[in-house]
Amino acid sequence: MGKNILVYITADENRVISGDPLTLLIKEEEEQKSITVQLGRALRADVVQLKNGDYLLISGDK
């Protein structure tokens, strides 16, 4: 079973697209971090911060 992107979190509205995965537009950096941690725990997902500052929540191979 492979990994899947569950959520994409960004502060740039130009990177918000509809479809799968869920994309959240959160402009404030502290709120981004907080939501990312909370969703990561709730979904038991791995969290990756990209070079552009966006976050990916990825399903694990568990």
N, C-alpha and C. Protein backbone atom coordinates (compact mmCIF):
# COMPACT_ATOMS: atom_id res chain seq x y z
N MET A 1 0.85 -1.18 0.00
CA MET A 1 0.00 0.00 0.00
C MET A 1 0.89 1.24 0.00
N GLY A 2 0.65 2.17 -0.92
CA GLY A 2 1.47 3.37 -1.04
C GLY A 2 0.98 4.50 -0.16
N LYS A 3 1.67 5.61 -0.27
CA LYS A 3 1.29 6.80 0.48
C LYS A 3 0.36 7.66 -0.37
N ASN A 4 -0.51 8.39 0.32
CA ASN A 4 -1.44 9.30 -0.35
C ASN A 4 -1.40 10.65 0.31
N ILE A 5 -1.52 11.71 -0.48
CA ILE A 5 -1.63 13.05 0.07
C ILE A 5 -3.06 13.22 0.56
N LEU A 6 -3.21 13.51 1.85
CA LEU A 6 -4.54 13.69 2.44
C LEU A 6 -4.98 15.14 2.43
N VAL A 7 -4.04 16.05 2.78
CA VAL A 7 -4.36 17.47 2.89
C VAL A 7 -3.17 18.28 2.42
N TYR A 8 -3.44 19.36 1.71
CA TYR A 8 -2.42 20.32 1.30
C TYR A 8 -2.79 21.65 1.94
N ILE A 9 -1.87 22.25 2.69
CA ILE A 9 -2.13 23.51 3.39
C ILE A 9 -1.21 24.58 2.84
N THR A 10 -1.78 25.69 2.41
CA THR A 10 -1.02 26.75 1.78
C THR A 10 -1.53 28.13 2.21
N ALA A 11 -0.66 29.13 2.09
CA ALA A 11 -1.05 30.52 2.33
C ALA A 11 -1.22 31.27 1.01
N ASP A 12 -0.96 30.59 -0.10
CA ASP A 12 -1.02 31.20 -1.43
C ASP A 12 -2.28 30.76 -2.15
N GLU A 13 -3.20 31.69 -2.34
CA GLU A 13 -4.48 31.34 -2.97
C GLU A 13 -4.31 30.86 -4.41
N ASN A 14 -3.19 31.16 -5.05
CA ASN A 14 -2.94 30.69 -6.41
C ASN A 14 -2.62 29.20 -6.45
N ARG A 15 -2.30 28.60 -5.29
CA ARG A 15 -2.01 27.17 -5.25
C ARG A 15 -3.22 26.35 -4.77
N VAL A 16 -4.33 27.01 -4.55
CA VAL A 16 -5.54 26.30 -4.13
C VAL A 16 -6.28 25.84 -5.38
N ILE A 17 -6.43 24.51 -5.48
CA ILE A 17 -7.20 23.94 -6.59
C ILE A 17 -8.24 23.01 -6.00
N SER A 18 -9.30 22.82 -6.74
CA SER A 18 -10.34 21.93 -6.23
C SER A 18 -9.99 20.49 -6.54
N GLY A 19 -10.65 19.59 -5.87
CA GLY A 19 -10.43 18.18 -6.13
C GLY A 19 -9.77 17.50 -4.95
N ASP A 20 -9.08 16.43 -5.26
CA ASP A 20 -8.43 15.61 -4.25
C ASP A 20 -6.94 15.85 -4.35
N PRO A 21 -6.26 16.17 -3.30
CA PRO A 21 -6.63 16.15 -1.90
C PRO A 21 -7.30 17.45 -1.47
N LEU A 22 -7.82 17.43 -0.25
CA LEU A 22 -8.37 18.63 0.35
C LEU A 22 -7.27 19.68 0.43
N THR A 23 -7.54 20.90 -0.03
CA THR A 23 -6.58 21.99 0.04
C THR A 23 -7.15 23.08 0.94
N LEU A 24 -6.38 23.47 1.95
CA LEU A 24 -6.80 24.51 2.88
C LEU A 24 -5.98 25.76 2.68
N LEU A 25 -6.66 26.90 2.54
CA LEU A 25 -6.01 28.19 2.44
C LEU A 25 -6.00 28.81 3.83
N ILE A 26 -4.82 28.89 4.42
CA ILE A 26 -4.66 29.46 5.75
C ILE A 26 -3.51 30.46 5.66
N LYS A 27 -3.83 31.73 5.76
CA LYS A 27 -2.84 32.79 5.53
C LYS A 27 -1.88 32.98 6.70
N GLU A 28 -2.35 32.84 7.92
CA GLU A 28 -1.53 33.11 9.09
C GLU A 28 -0.62 31.92 9.40
N GLU A 29 0.69 32.18 9.54
CA GLU A 29 1.68 31.12 9.73
C GLU A 29 1.46 30.30 10.99
N GLU A 30 1.16 30.94 12.10
CA GLU A 30 0.94 30.21 13.35
C GLU A 30 -0.29 29.32 13.27
N GLU A 31 -1.34 29.82 12.62
CA GLU A 31 -2.55 29.00 12.45
C GLU A 31 -2.26 27.81 11.54
N GLN A 32 -1.45 28.02 10.50
CA GLN A 32 -1.05 26.91 9.62
C GLN A 32 -0.38 25.81 10.43
N LYS A 33 0.58 26.19 11.26
CA LYS A 33 1.32 25.22 12.06
C LYS A 33 0.39 24.47 13.01
N SER A 34 -0.48 25.20 13.68
CA SER A 34 -1.40 24.61 14.64
C SER A 34 -2.35 23.62 13.98
N ILE A 35 -2.96 24.03 12.88
CA ILE A 35 -3.90 23.17 12.16
C ILE A 35 -3.18 21.94 11.61
N THR A 36 -1.97 22.14 11.10
CA THR A 36 -1.19 21.02 10.56
C THR A 36 -0.92 19.97 11.63
N VAL A 37 -0.51 20.41 12.82
CA VAL A 37 -0.24 19.47 13.92
C VAL A 37 -1.52 18.74 14.33
N GLN A 38 -2.60 19.49 14.48
CA GLN A 38 -3.86 18.89 14.92
C GLN A 38 -4.39 17.88 13.90
N LEU A 39 -4.38 18.25 12.62
CA LEU A 39 -4.85 17.33 11.59
C LEU A 39 -3.93 16.12 11.45
N GLY A 40 -2.64 16.35 11.59
CA GLY A 40 -1.68 15.25 11.53
C GLY A 40 -1.96 14.21 12.59
N ARG A 41 -2.23 14.67 13.80
CA ARG A 41 -2.56 13.74 14.88
C ARG A 41 -3.89 13.03 14.63
N ALA A 42 -4.89 13.80 14.24
CA ALA A 42 -6.23 13.23 14.04
C ALA A 42 -6.24 12.20 12.92
N LEU A 43 -5.48 12.46 11.87
CA LEU A 43 -5.47 11.56 10.72
C LEU A 43 -4.34 10.53 10.79
N ARG A 44 -3.53 10.63 11.85
CA ARG A 44 -2.34 9.77 11.99
C ARG A 44 -1.50 9.83 10.72
N ALA A 45 -1.25 11.06 10.29
CA ALA A 45 -0.55 11.31 9.03
C ALA A 45 0.86 11.81 9.28
N ASP A 46 1.73 11.58 8.30
CA ASP A 46 3.05 12.18 8.30
C ASP A 46 2.90 13.61 7.79
N VAL A 47 3.71 14.53 8.33
CA VAL A 47 3.65 15.93 7.93
C VAL A 47 4.97 16.30 7.26
N VAL A 48 4.86 16.95 6.10
CA VAL A 48 6.03 17.42 5.37
C VAL A 48 5.85 18.91 5.09
N GLN A 49 6.88 19.71 5.42
CA GLN A 49 6.85 21.12 5.04
C GLN A 49 7.69 21.28 3.78
N LEU A 50 7.10 21.84 2.75
CA LEU A 50 7.79 22.05 1.48
C LEU A 50 8.67 23.29 1.54
N LYS A 51 9.60 23.42 0.60
CA LYS A 51 10.48 24.59 0.55
C LYS A 51 9.71 25.90 0.42
N ASN A 52 8.54 25.85 -0.20
CA ASN A 52 7.73 27.06 -0.38
C ASN A 52 6.92 27.41 0.86
N GLY A 53 7.05 26.62 1.94
CA GLY A 53 6.36 26.90 3.19
C GLY A 53 5.03 26.17 3.34
N ASP A 54 4.55 25.56 2.28
CA ASP A 54 3.29 24.81 2.34
C ASP A 54 3.51 23.49 3.08
N TYR A 55 2.41 22.88 3.51
CA TYR A 55 2.47 21.62 4.24
C TYR A 55 1.67 20.54 3.49
N LEU A 56 2.18 19.33 3.56
CA LEU A 56 1.47 18.16 3.06
C LEU A 56 1.22 17.22 4.24
N LEU A 57 0.04 16.68 4.33
CA LEU A 57 -0.26 15.60 5.27
C LEU A 57 -0.41 14.35 4.43
N ILE A 58 0.42 13.36 4.74
CA ILE A 58 0.52 12.16 3.92
C ILE A 58 0.16 10.94 4.75
N SER A 59 -0.65 10.06 4.18
CA SER A 59 -0.99 8.83 4.88
C SER A 59 0.25 7.97 4.98
N GLY A 60 0.39 7.30 6.12
CA GLY A 60 1.54 6.43 6.32
C GLY A 60 1.32 5.04 5.78
N ASP A 61 2.37 4.25 5.76
CA ASP A 61 2.31 2.86 5.32
C ASP A 61 2.13 1.95 6.52
N LYS A 62 1.18 2.23 7.38
CA LYS A 62 1.03 1.49 8.63
C LYS A 62 0.05 0.37 8.49
